[in-house]
N, C-alpha and C. Protein backbone atom coordinates (compact mmCIF):
# COMPACT_ATOMS: atom_id res chain seq x y z
N MET A 1 9.61 20.15 -3.05
CA MET A 1 9.51 19.39 -1.89
C MET A 1 8.32 18.42 -1.94
N ILE A 2 7.26 18.90 -2.54
CA ILE A 2 6.00 18.10 -2.60
C ILE A 2 6.38 16.89 -3.48
N SER A 3 6.97 17.10 -4.66
CA SER A 3 7.42 15.80 -5.44
C SER A 3 8.35 15.06 -4.81
N VAL A 4 9.38 15.36 -4.07
CA VAL A 4 10.07 14.45 -3.26
C VAL A 4 9.17 13.65 -2.14
N THR A 5 8.43 14.40 -1.37
CA THR A 5 7.52 13.76 -0.41
C THR A 5 6.67 12.79 -1.14
N GLY A 6 6.07 13.16 -2.31
CA GLY A 6 5.25 12.14 -3.23
C GLY A 6 5.97 11.00 -3.61
N GLY A 7 7.26 11.16 -4.00
CA GLY A 7 8.04 10.01 -4.36
C GLY A 7 8.32 9.05 -3.27
N LEU A 8 8.69 9.60 -2.10
CA LEU A 8 8.79 8.71 -0.86
C LEU A 8 7.61 8.08 -0.50
N ILE A 9 6.49 8.62 -0.47
CA ILE A 9 5.16 8.03 -0.19
C ILE A 9 4.94 7.03 -1.28
N GLY A 10 5.12 7.34 -2.57
CA GLY A 10 5.02 6.26 -3.50
C GLY A 10 5.83 5.09 -3.35
N VAL A 11 7.03 5.29 -3.01
CA VAL A 11 8.06 4.19 -2.81
C VAL A 11 7.70 3.36 -1.71
N LEU A 12 7.36 3.94 -0.56
CA LEU A 12 6.66 3.24 0.67
C LEU A 12 5.46 2.32 0.37
N LEU A 13 4.56 3.01 -0.42
CA LEU A 13 3.31 2.36 -0.54
C LEU A 13 3.71 1.07 -1.65
N GLY A 14 4.53 1.24 -2.58
CA GLY A 14 4.83 0.27 -3.45
C GLY A 14 5.55 -0.93 -2.76
N VAL A 15 6.55 -0.63 -1.96
CA VAL A 15 7.34 -1.64 -1.38
C VAL A 15 6.38 -2.43 -0.36
N GLY A 16 5.45 -1.59 0.33
CA GLY A 16 4.58 -2.18 1.39
C GLY A 16 3.65 -3.00 0.58
N ALA A 17 3.00 -2.76 -0.50
CA ALA A 17 1.96 -3.56 -1.21
C ALA A 17 2.78 -4.90 -1.79
N SER A 18 3.98 -4.64 -2.15
CA SER A 18 4.65 -5.98 -2.63
C SER A 18 5.00 -6.76 -1.58
N MET A 19 5.37 -6.39 -0.37
CA MET A 19 5.52 -7.23 0.90
C MET A 19 4.26 -7.76 1.30
N ALA A 20 3.14 -6.99 1.13
CA ALA A 20 1.79 -7.78 1.52
C ALA A 20 1.52 -8.78 0.69
N VAL A 21 1.66 -8.62 -0.72
CA VAL A 21 1.36 -9.65 -1.66
C VAL A 21 2.45 -10.77 -1.29
N LYS A 22 3.57 -10.65 -1.02
CA LYS A 22 4.43 -11.77 -0.65
C LYS A 22 3.86 -12.60 0.40
N PHE A 23 3.72 -11.72 1.45
CA PHE A 23 3.15 -12.58 2.67
C PHE A 23 1.81 -13.39 2.67
N LEU A 24 0.70 -12.48 2.05
CA LEU A 24 -0.43 -12.92 2.08
C LEU A 24 -0.72 -14.09 0.88
N ALA A 25 -0.14 -13.90 -0.24
CA ALA A 25 -0.28 -14.92 -1.33
C ALA A 25 0.88 -15.84 -1.60
N ASN A 26 1.92 -15.62 -0.83
CA ASN A 26 3.21 -16.53 -0.86
C ASN A 26 3.76 -16.44 -2.30
N TRP A 27 3.71 -15.35 -2.89
CA TRP A 27 4.37 -15.34 -4.08
C TRP A 27 5.76 -14.80 -3.94
N PRO A 28 6.60 -15.15 -4.79
CA PRO A 28 8.03 -14.66 -4.72
C PRO A 28 8.09 -13.22 -5.28
N ILE A 29 8.47 -12.35 -4.55
CA ILE A 29 8.66 -10.84 -4.86
C ILE A 29 10.04 -10.48 -4.85
N SER A 30 10.65 -9.80 -5.83
CA SER A 30 11.93 -9.36 -5.90
C SER A 30 11.79 -7.84 -6.22
N ILE A 31 12.50 -7.01 -5.15
CA ILE A 31 12.32 -5.68 -5.34
C ILE A 31 13.94 -5.14 -5.52
N GLU A 32 14.15 -4.65 -6.81
CA GLU A 32 15.59 -4.15 -7.12
C GLU A 32 15.86 -2.82 -6.61
N ALA A 33 16.88 -2.45 -5.91
CA ALA A 33 17.24 -1.12 -5.49
C ALA A 33 17.23 -0.09 -6.80
N TRP A 34 17.76 -0.48 -7.82
CA TRP A 34 17.71 0.49 -8.86
C TRP A 34 16.46 0.92 -9.48
N THR A 35 15.32 -0.09 -9.42
CA THR A 35 14.11 0.36 -10.01
C THR A 35 13.41 1.26 -9.01
N VAL A 36 13.68 1.10 -7.76
CA VAL A 36 13.11 2.01 -6.65
C VAL A 36 13.74 3.40 -6.91
N ALA A 37 15.04 3.37 -6.99
CA ALA A 37 15.79 4.78 -7.14
C ALA A 37 15.28 5.32 -8.49
N LEU A 38 15.10 4.52 -9.53
CA LEU A 38 14.77 5.17 -10.85
C LEU A 38 13.39 5.76 -10.76
N SER A 39 12.35 5.06 -10.19
CA SER A 39 11.00 5.56 -10.04
C SER A 39 11.00 6.98 -9.18
N PHE A 40 11.83 6.92 -8.06
CA PHE A 40 11.85 8.08 -7.33
C PHE A 40 12.64 9.31 -8.06
N ILE A 41 13.42 9.01 -8.88
CA ILE A 41 14.22 10.10 -9.69
C ILE A 41 13.30 10.63 -10.55
N VAL A 42 12.63 9.74 -11.36
CA VAL A 42 11.60 10.09 -12.26
C VAL A 42 10.55 11.04 -11.76
N CYS A 43 10.02 10.50 -10.59
CA CYS A 43 9.06 11.32 -9.97
C CYS A 43 9.48 12.73 -9.56
N THR A 44 10.72 12.73 -9.00
CA THR A 44 11.28 14.02 -8.55
C THR A 44 11.55 14.94 -9.77
N ILE A 45 11.99 14.50 -10.73
CA ILE A 45 12.30 15.36 -11.82
C ILE A 45 11.00 15.79 -12.52
N THR A 46 10.13 15.15 -12.66
CA THR A 46 8.74 15.25 -13.20
C THR A 46 8.06 16.60 -12.33
N GLY A 47 8.14 16.31 -11.08
CA GLY A 47 7.47 17.42 -10.13
C GLY A 47 8.29 18.64 -10.23
N ILE A 48 9.62 18.60 -10.18
CA ILE A 48 10.27 19.67 -10.28
C ILE A 48 10.10 20.59 -11.59
N PHE A 49 10.21 19.72 -12.75
CA PHE A 49 9.92 20.58 -14.00
C PHE A 49 8.61 21.05 -13.99
N PHE A 50 7.66 20.35 -13.89
CA PHE A 50 6.17 20.97 -14.03
C PHE A 50 5.85 21.92 -12.86
N GLY A 51 6.74 22.11 -11.87
CA GLY A 51 6.55 23.25 -11.02
C GLY A 51 7.42 24.43 -11.31
N TRP A 52 8.62 24.19 -11.94
CA TRP A 52 9.65 25.27 -12.26
C TRP A 52 9.18 26.05 -13.67
N TYR A 53 8.59 25.18 -14.46
CA TYR A 53 8.44 25.77 -15.90
C TYR A 53 7.28 26.80 -15.98
N PRO A 54 6.15 26.56 -15.30
CA PRO A 54 5.18 27.42 -15.32
C PRO A 54 5.34 28.63 -14.57
N ALA A 55 6.30 28.57 -13.41
CA ALA A 55 6.69 29.57 -12.54
C ALA A 55 7.67 30.56 -13.43
N LYS A 56 8.64 29.83 -14.07
CA LYS A 56 9.48 30.76 -14.90
C LYS A 56 8.73 31.41 -16.05
N LYS A 57 7.77 30.71 -16.65
CA LYS A 57 7.09 31.41 -17.49
C LYS A 57 6.24 32.77 -16.98
N ALA A 58 5.74 32.41 -15.92
CA ALA A 58 4.88 33.54 -15.25
C ALA A 58 5.79 34.83 -14.85
N ALA A 59 7.05 34.37 -14.44
CA ALA A 59 7.92 35.28 -13.99
C ALA A 59 8.36 36.49 -14.94
N ASN A 60 8.33 35.76 -16.34
CA ASN A 60 8.81 36.62 -17.26
C ASN A 60 7.76 37.53 -17.82
N LEU A 61 6.40 37.33 -17.38
CA LEU A 61 5.33 38.29 -17.80
C LEU A 61 5.40 39.62 -17.24
N ASP A 62 4.84 40.53 -17.94
CA ASP A 62 4.62 41.81 -17.31
C ASP A 62 3.50 41.95 -16.58
N PRO A 63 3.48 42.20 -15.27
CA PRO A 63 2.29 42.05 -14.30
C PRO A 63 1.18 42.72 -15.00
N ILE A 64 1.16 43.86 -15.46
CA ILE A 64 -0.09 44.69 -15.85
C ILE A 64 -0.51 43.89 -17.13
N GLU A 65 0.20 43.31 -17.87
CA GLU A 65 -0.25 42.76 -19.04
C GLU A 65 -1.05 41.37 -18.69
N ALA A 66 -0.42 40.72 -17.71
CA ALA A 66 -1.04 39.42 -17.15
C ALA A 66 -2.26 39.66 -16.49
N LEU A 67 -2.52 40.81 -15.75
CA LEU A 67 -3.79 41.14 -15.22
C LEU A 67 -4.85 41.56 -16.05
N ARG A 68 -4.25 42.19 -17.09
CA ARG A 68 -5.10 42.73 -18.12
C ARG A 68 -5.93 41.50 -19.01
N TYR A 69 -5.12 40.56 -19.16
CA TYR A 69 -5.37 39.42 -19.94
C TYR A 69 -6.65 38.70 -19.23
N GLU A 70 -6.68 38.69 -17.95
CA GLU A 70 -7.82 37.86 -17.09
C GLU A 70 -8.75 38.84 -17.11
């Protein structure tokens, strides 16, 4: 959920900053839908993987051994 929310915030900030540059500097800006979707998908997959992998690794540990290690 955090990675999806972060992805949405990133997309909104990116599009907002692009529009601000377009109106303030009068530069031609083109935002492609596939680039927005690709950035959101990469952000979501990265967040899910780096949340899932350590949790999966920790779930396979013996609790007594894990506590003894610390």
